Amino acid sequence: MSDGCDECAGYRDAGARFCGACGKRVGRSGFSLFLEDKMKVIATITMVYLLLELSLLLLSTPSILSIIGEFGVDLIIIVPHPRVVYMLTGAGAELYWIGAVAVITASILFATFRYVSARRAENGGSASEVKRTALFWIGILFSASLLVEILLFAISAQLGFGTDVGWTSDYTDTELLFMLANASVWEELISRVALIGIPIVLIQLARTGDPRSAAHLLGGFGMSRVAVVLIVFSGIMFGAAHYNGWGIAKAVITCLGGVIFGYVYVRFGVYASIIMHFLTNYLSGFIYADGFAVLGIFGSLLFLMIGFVSLAYLLTRIPGNTDVKAYLKSLPLFPESRD
């Protein structure tokens, strides 16, 4: 919209694509709407693949439980620098794993229920709520970011900044399946809840004194200028934590992923960031499971292909006259208080 034009909102609300007063685009283009319809297909594909990954997790759980007591669970923090603060072993590690599997399972089933309910409402003639669901955006952001990350990895390799994955040979396939799933829960707790949620809760408690502000720990409180700063900070720390053992290329690219996870956490909640992290990690999990490698290869190729469509859709949502500074100023300084 054009600054100072009082007519844009009226034309937009009436369904027009352009303002009749100033001529600026106020509605979505036909191409953008076409892509949005395709995004629902991508969301459904994402849902099905997540359920396949969940099935692998559940099938792997007995073998993981058989080794986790001795293998142990490192509880790591990343601020001020990555370090192990405690190691769970024995029954403690087994109970932790059961809890982690329960969290992942509940998160995926909840997101699936919300998405399926939205599709049914749309088919019944109600106004569409599909594009407001976490799965809709997880499918888009995951496939688009996967495509961008693969391109960045290829460029970094050409520049001599390869990614070190040799350390994975020190672990069994079962141990790697555990580590991939565990990261999707524990890293969200220490990167998103600890570095975004807790500061937001403390700020809101100081501002309002309302104990209900503690609900912000679960995320989903919406964008604000403070949230943007914390998302960027969390992403940087998340990327830096992956430097040791992976290399500089992985750290930089993981920083981008951390920012996306942070956005999903702020917009939808920690259940959504856990899902997206799990979807990312267990894409390679199939490689470590006997007889399932084809699903990992197929999934990688599928999401890479649809990444082009997702990236195009995201780009159509950025108007040509976007002013980042004006957008940030339009955000509230702090999240809205819980009612």
Protein backbone atom coordinates (compact mmCIF):
# COMPACT_ATOMS: atom_id res chain seq x y z
CA MET A 1 0.00 0.00 0.00
CA SER A 2 1.01 3.58 -0.50
CA ASP A 3 1.80 5.74 2.52
CA GLY A 4 -0.88 8.35 3.18
CA CYS A 5 -3.60 6.70 1.05
CA ASP A 6 -6.85 6.28 2.99
CA GLU A 7 -8.56 4.18 0.31
CA CYS A 8 -6.25 1.13 0.14
CA ALA A 9 -7.83 -0.69 3.07
CA GLY A 10 -11.32 -0.31 1.67
CA TYR A 11 -10.38 -1.67 -1.72
CA ARG A 12 -8.45 -4.55 -0.12
CA ASP A 13 -11.39 -5.50 2.10
CA ALA A 14 -13.67 -5.44 -0.93
CA GLY A 15 -11.46 -8.07 -2.59
CA ALA A 16 -9.76 -5.79 -5.11
CA ARG A 17 -6.19 -6.47 -6.15
CA PHE A 18 -5.33 -2.80 -6.63
CA CYS A 19 -6.31 0.42 -4.92
CA GLY A 20 -8.61 2.50 -7.13
CA ALA A 21 -7.23 5.72 -5.62
CA CYS A 22 -3.46 5.31 -5.70
CA GLY A 23 -3.07 2.27 -7.97
CA LYS A 24 -0.93 0.25 -5.57
CA ARG A 25 -1.45 -3.50 -5.26
CA VAL A 26 -3.51 -4.29 -2.19
CA GLY A 27 -4.71 -7.81 -2.95
CA ARG A 28 -3.09 -11.07 -3.83
CA SER A 29 -2.22 -11.81 -7.45
CA GLY A 30 -3.82 -14.67 -9.30
CA PHE A 31 -0.44 -16.42 -9.41
CA SER A 32 -0.09 -16.09 -5.65
CA LEU A 33 -3.57 -17.52 -5.09
CA PHE A 34 -2.76 -20.37 -7.47
CA LEU A 35 0.37 -21.16 -5.47
CA GLU A 36 -1.53 -20.95 -2.19
CA ASP A 37 -3.83 -23.73 -3.39
CA LYS A 38 -0.77 -25.85 -4.14
CA MET A 39 0.53 -25.21 -0.63
CA LYS A 40 -2.38 -27.20 0.78
CA VAL A 41 -1.15 -30.21 -1.20
CA ILE A 42 2.34 -29.64 0.19
CA ALA A 43 0.94 -29.43 3.72
CA THR A 44 -0.82 -32.77 3.22
CA ILE A 45 2.39 -34.36 1.91
CA THR A 46 4.21 -32.98 4.95
CA MET A 47 1.59 -34.43 7.28
CA VAL A 48 1.87 -37.89 5.70
CA TYR A 49 5.67 -37.83 5.83
CA LEU A 50 5.62 -36.71 9.46
CA LEU A 51 3.40 -39.66 10.31
CA LEU A 52 5.87 -41.97 8.54
CA GLU A 53 8.72 -40.46 10.57
CA LEU A 54 6.68 -40.90 13.74
CA SER A 55 6.14 -44.55 12.84
CA LEU A 56 9.91 -44.99 12.49
CA LEU A 57 10.41 -43.33 15.87
CA LEU A 58 7.91 -45.63 17.58
CA LEU A 59 9.34 -48.72 15.87
CA SER A 60 12.85 -47.71 16.97
CA THR A 61 11.89 -46.96 20.57
CA PRO A 62 12.32 -50.55 21.96
CA SER A 63 15.87 -50.80 20.55
CA ILE A 64 16.70 -47.30 21.79
CA LEU A 65 15.39 -48.15 25.26
CA SER A 66 17.67 -51.20 25.30
CA ILE A 67 20.83 -49.06 24.94
CA ILE A 68 19.95 -45.65 26.31
CA GLY A 69 20.54 -46.47 29.98
CA GLU A 70 24.20 -47.21 29.29
CA PHE A 71 24.61 -44.73 26.42
CA GLY A 72 23.27 -41.86 28.52
CA VAL A 73 21.55 -38.58 27.72
CA ASP A 74 23.67 -35.43 27.73
CA LEU A 75 21.74 -32.40 28.93
CA ILE A 76 23.43 -29.52 27.13
CA ILE A 77 23.04 -25.76 27.36
CA ILE A 78 24.37 -23.37 24.69
CA VAL A 79 24.66 -20.07 26.60
CA PRO A 80 27.22 -18.67 27.20
CA HIS A 81 28.79 -21.60 25.31
CA PRO A 82 27.80 -25.20 24.58
CA ARG A 83 28.51 -27.53 27.49
CA VAL A 84 27.08 -30.59 29.20
CA VAL A 85 25.51 -29.72 32.56
CA TYR A 86 24.30 -33.20 33.47
CA MET A 87 24.17 -36.71 32.09
CA LEU A 88 21.19 -38.97 32.64
CA THR A 89 21.88 -42.70 32.79
CA GLY A 90 19.99 -45.84 33.77
CA ALA A 91 16.30 -45.48 34.59
CA GLY A 92 16.55 -41.69 34.40
CA ALA A 93 17.64 -41.87 30.75
CA GLU A 94 14.88 -44.37 29.95
CA LEU A 95 12.20 -42.18 31.54
CA TYR A 96 13.57 -39.16 29.72
CA TRP A 97 13.35 -40.98 26.39
CA ILE A 98 9.78 -42.10 27.01
CA GLY A 99 8.90 -38.48 27.81
CA ALA A 100 10.62 -37.20 24.65
CA VAL A 101 8.77 -39.72 22.47
CA ALA A 102 5.49 -38.72 24.13
CA VAL A 103 6.16 -35.02 23.43
CA ILE A 104 6.99 -35.65 19.76
CA THR A 105 3.98 -37.93 19.32
CA ALA A 106 1.56 -35.51 20.99
CA SER A 107 2.92 -32.57 18.97
CA ILE A 108 2.51 -34.35 15.63
CA LEU A 109 -0.96 -35.68 16.45
CA PHE A 110 -2.12 -32.27 17.67
CA ALA A 111 -0.86 -30.52 14.52
CA THR A 112 -2.43 -33.24 12.36
CA PHE A 113 -5.78 -32.86 14.15
CA ARG A 114 -5.72 -29.07 13.69
CA TYR A 115 -4.87 -29.38 10.00
CA VAL A 116 -7.44 -32.09 9.22
CA SER A 117 -10.13 -30.14 11.10
CA ALA A 118 -9.33 -27.04 9.05
CA ARG A 119 -9.55 -29.00 5.78
CA ARG A 120 -12.91 -30.45 6.79
CA ALA A 121 -14.25 -27.01 7.67
CA GLU A 122 -13.12 -25.73 4.29
CA ASN A 123 -14.78 -28.63 2.47
CA GLY A 124 -17.96 -27.94 4.40
CA GLY A 125 -18.17 -24.44 3.01
CA SER A 126 -16.75 -22.54 5.97
CA ALA A 127 -14.09 -19.90 5.60
CA SER A 128 -10.69 -21.51 5.16
CA GLU A 129 -8.50 -21.76 8.22
CA VAL A 130 -5.97 -24.06 6.58
CA LYS A 131 -3.37 -21.39 5.97
CA ARG A 132 -3.46 -20.49 9.65
CA THR A 133 -2.43 -23.96 10.76
CA ALA A 134 1.10 -24.88 11.76
CA LEU A 135 1.33 -27.76 9.25
CA PHE A 136 0.52 -25.43 6.36
CA TRP A 137 3.51 -23.23 7.19
CA ILE A 138 5.80 -26.03 8.32
CA GLY A 139 5.45 -27.67 4.91
CA ILE A 140 6.23 -24.43 3.11
CA LEU A 141 9.10 -23.29 5.32
CA PHE A 142 10.68 -26.73 5.58
CA SER A 143 10.74 -27.46 1.85
CA ALA A 144 11.87 -23.94 0.92
CA SER A 145 14.61 -23.86 3.56
CA LEU A 146 15.78 -27.36 2.59
CA LEU A 147 16.25 -26.19 -0.99
CA VAL A 148 18.13 -23.05 0.11
CA GLU A 149 20.30 -24.99 2.54
CA ILE A 150 21.28 -27.58 -0.09
CA LEU A 151 22.28 -24.76 -2.42
CA LEU A 152 24.30 -23.08 0.33
CA PHE A 153 26.02 -26.36 1.22
CA ALA A 154 26.94 -26.83 -2.46
CA ILE A 155 28.36 -23.31 -2.68
CA SER A 156 30.29 -23.67 0.60
CA ALA A 157 31.76 -26.98 -0.59
CA GLN A 158 32.98 -25.30 -3.79
CA LEU A 159 34.60 -22.60 -1.67
CA GLY A 160 36.38 -25.20 0.43
CA PHE A 161 34.14 -25.04 3.50
CA GLY A 162 32.91 -28.61 3.65
CA THR A 163 30.83 -30.13 6.45
CA ASP A 164 32.49 -32.68 8.73
CA VAL A 165 30.22 -35.71 9.22
CA GLY A 166 32.97 -38.19 10.02
CA TRP A 167 32.06 -38.20 13.70
CA THR A 168 28.82 -40.08 12.92
CA SER A 169 30.85 -43.24 12.30
CA ASP A 170 31.61 -43.34 16.02
CA TYR A 171 27.98 -44.20 16.77
CA THR A 172 25.67 -47.10 15.96
CA ASP A 173 22.56 -46.58 13.87
CA THR A 174 20.37 -46.93 16.96
CA GLU A 175 22.37 -44.28 18.81
CA LEU A 176 22.08 -41.92 15.84
CA LEU A 177 18.31 -42.42 15.68
CA PHE A 178 18.13 -41.49 19.35
CA MET A 179 20.35 -38.43 18.91
CA LEU A 180 18.33 -37.13 15.96
CA ALA A 181 15.03 -37.42 17.79
CA ASN A 182 16.39 -36.13 21.09
CA ALA A 183 17.77 -33.00 19.40
CA SER A 184 14.32 -32.09 18.12
CA VAL A 185 13.05 -31.85 21.70
CA TRP A 186 16.01 -30.84 23.86
CA GLU A 187 17.41 -28.28 21.41
CA GLU A 188 14.02 -26.61 21.15
CA LEU A 189 13.90 -26.34 24.93
CA ILE A 190 17.37 -24.80 25.25
CA SER A 191 17.24 -22.68 22.08
CA ARG A 192 13.65 -21.52 21.72
CA VAL A 193 12.02 -21.89 25.16
CA ALA A 194 15.12 -20.82 27.10
CA LEU A 195 16.33 -18.04 24.77
CA ILE A 196 13.00 -16.67 23.53
CA GLY A 197 10.22 -17.89 25.83
CA ILE A 198 11.84 -17.26 29.20
CA PRO A 199 12.97 -13.68 28.37
CA ILE A 200 9.48 -12.91 27.04
CA VAL A 201 7.88 -14.28 30.22
CA LEU A 202 10.21 -12.22 32.42
CA ILE A 203 9.53 -9.07 30.39
CA GLN A 204 5.78 -9.60 30.50
CA LEU A 205 5.81 -10.32 34.23
CA ALA A 206 7.80 -7.13 34.83
CA ARG A 207 5.42 -5.13 32.62
CA THR A 208 2.08 -6.52 33.74
CA GLY A 209 2.64 -8.55 36.88
CA ASP A 210 0.17 -11.07 35.43
CA PRO A 211 1.18 -14.67 36.35
CA ARG A 212 -0.64 -15.86 33.22
CA SER A 213 2.35 -14.51 31.31
CA ALA A 214 4.03 -17.84 32.10
CA ALA A 215 1.92 -19.28 29.26
CA HIS A 216 4.32 -17.53 26.86
CA LEU A 217 6.81 -20.33 27.57
CA LEU A 218 4.76 -22.47 25.18
CA GLY A 219 5.26 -19.93 22.39
CA GLY A 220 2.58 -18.86 19.95
CA PHE A 221 2.41 -15.32 21.40
CA GLY A 222 2.90 -13.59 18.05
CA MET A 223 5.50 -11.30 16.56
CA SER A 224 6.83 -8.18 18.24
CA ARG A 225 10.04 -6.17 17.97
CA VAL A 226 11.40 -7.82 21.11
CA ALA A 227 10.52 -11.25 19.69
CA VAL A 228 12.40 -10.46 16.46
CA VAL A 229 15.55 -9.61 18.42
CA LEU A 230 15.27 -12.79 20.48
CA ILE A 231 14.63 -14.93 17.38
CA VAL A 232 17.82 -13.62 15.75
CA PHE A 233 19.82 -14.08 18.97
CA SER A 234 18.50 -17.62 19.41
CA GLY A 235 19.34 -18.44 15.78
CA ILE A 236 22.91 -17.18 16.16
CA MET A 237 23.51 -19.17 19.34
CA PHE A 238 21.88 -22.24 17.79
CA GLY A 239 24.17 -22.01 14.77
CA ALA A 240 27.29 -21.39 16.87
CA ALA A 241 26.50 -24.49 18.95
CA HIS A 242 26.84 -26.61 15.79
CA TYR A 243 30.33 -25.36 14.93
CA ASN A 244 32.23 -27.98 16.94
CA GLY A 245 31.94 -31.31 15.18
CA TRP A 246 30.31 -29.88 12.03
CA GLY A 247 32.36 -26.93 10.81
CA ILE A 248 31.71 -23.30 9.86
CA ALA A 249 29.42 -24.03 6.89
CA LYS A 250 27.04 -26.08 9.03
CA ALA A 251 27.10 -23.43 11.76
CA VAL A 252 26.14 -20.62 9.38
CA ILE A 253 23.42 -22.60 7.64
CA THR A 254 22.07 -23.91 10.96
CA CYS A 255 21.81 -20.30 12.11
CA LEU A 256 19.31 -19.75 9.27
CA GLY A 257 17.41 -22.85 10.34
CA GLY A 258 17.39 -21.61 13.94
CA VAL A 259 15.80 -18.32 12.88
CA ILE A 260 13.06 -20.25 11.04
CA PHE A 261 12.48 -22.53 14.04
CA GLY A 262 12.27 -19.41 16.21
CA TYR A 263 9.67 -17.85 13.93
CA VAL A 264 7.58 -21.02 14.02
CA TYR A 265 7.87 -21.11 17.83
CA VAL A 266 6.76 -17.49 18.19
CA ARG A 267 3.91 -17.76 15.71
CA PHE A 268 2.49 -21.21 16.52
CA GLY A 269 4.12 -22.58 19.65
CA VAL A 270 6.84 -24.93 20.82
CA TYR A 271 4.91 -27.98 19.54
CA ALA A 272 5.30 -26.62 16.00
CA SER A 273 9.04 -25.91 16.30
CA ILE A 274 9.56 -29.41 17.73
CA ILE A 275 7.68 -30.87 14.75
CA MET A 276 9.71 -28.90 12.23
CA HIS A 277 12.97 -29.83 13.95
CA PHE A 278 11.94 -33.50 14.04
CA LEU A 279 10.89 -33.40 10.37
CA THR A 280 14.30 -31.97 9.50
CA ASN A 281 16.32 -34.45 11.55
CA TYR A 282 14.42 -37.64 10.77
CA LEU A 283 14.59 -36.99 7.06
CA SER A 284 18.01 -38.61 7.43
CA GLY A 285 16.77 -40.95 10.16
CA PHE A 286 15.45 -43.36 7.54
CA ILE A 287 19.03 -43.81 6.31
CA TYR A 288 20.00 -45.32 9.67
CA ALA A 289 17.03 -47.71 9.84
CA ASP A 290 17.40 -51.07 8.12
CA GLY A 291 15.14 -51.34 5.08
CA PHE A 292 13.90 -47.74 5.20
CA ALA A 293 16.66 -45.90 3.33
CA VAL A 294 14.48 -45.54 0.22
CA LEU A 295 11.99 -43.45 2.22
CA GLY A 296 14.74 -41.07 3.23
CA ILE A 297 16.02 -40.69 -0.33
CA PHE A 298 12.51 -40.33 -1.74
CA GLY A 299 11.55 -37.80 0.94
CA SER A 300 14.67 -35.71 0.33
CA LEU A 301 14.08 -35.57 -3.42
CA LEU A 302 10.36 -34.88 -2.97
CA PHE A 303 10.85 -31.97 -0.57
CA LEU A 304 13.64 -30.56 -2.72
CA MET A 305 11.32 -30.49 -5.74
CA ILE A 306 8.40 -28.91 -3.92
CA GLY A 307 10.86 -26.48 -2.35
CA PHE A 308 10.85 -24.54 -5.63
CA VAL A 309 7.08 -24.06 -5.40
CA SER A 310 7.26 -23.13 -1.72
CA LEU A 311 10.03 -20.62 -2.32
CA ALA A 312 8.03 -19.04 -5.16
CA TYR A 313 5.01 -18.78 -2.86
CA LEU A 314 7.03 -17.09 -0.13
CA LEU A 315 8.45 -14.60 -2.62
CA THR A 316 4.99 -13.67 -3.90
CA ARG A 317 4.06 -12.70 -0.35
CA ILE A 318 6.74 -10.01 -0.29
CA PRO A 319 5.36 -6.87 -2.00
CA GLY A 320 7.78 -4.96 -4.20
CA ASN A 321 7.51 -1.88 -2.01
CA THR A 322 8.23 -3.70 1.27
CA ASP A 323 10.07 -1.49 3.75
CA VAL A 324 11.70 -3.66 6.43
CA LYS A 325 12.17 -0.74 8.78
CA ALA A 326 8.52 0.29 8.40
CA TYR A 327 7.42 -3.32 8.95
CA LEU A 328 9.41 -3.58 12.17
CA LYS A 329 7.98 -0.26 13.37
CA SER A 330 4.48 -1.55 12.68
CA LEU A 331 5.02 -4.43 15.11
CA PRO A 332 4.18 -3.94 18.77
CA LEU A 333 7.24 -3.53 20.98
CA PHE A 334 6.12 -6.38 23.26
CA PRO A 335 3.78 -9.35 22.73
CA GLU A 336 0.13 -8.76 23.42
CA SER A 337 -0.93 -9.71 26.95
CA ARG A 338 -2.79 -12.99 27.42
CA ASP A 339 -6.55 -12.59 27.96
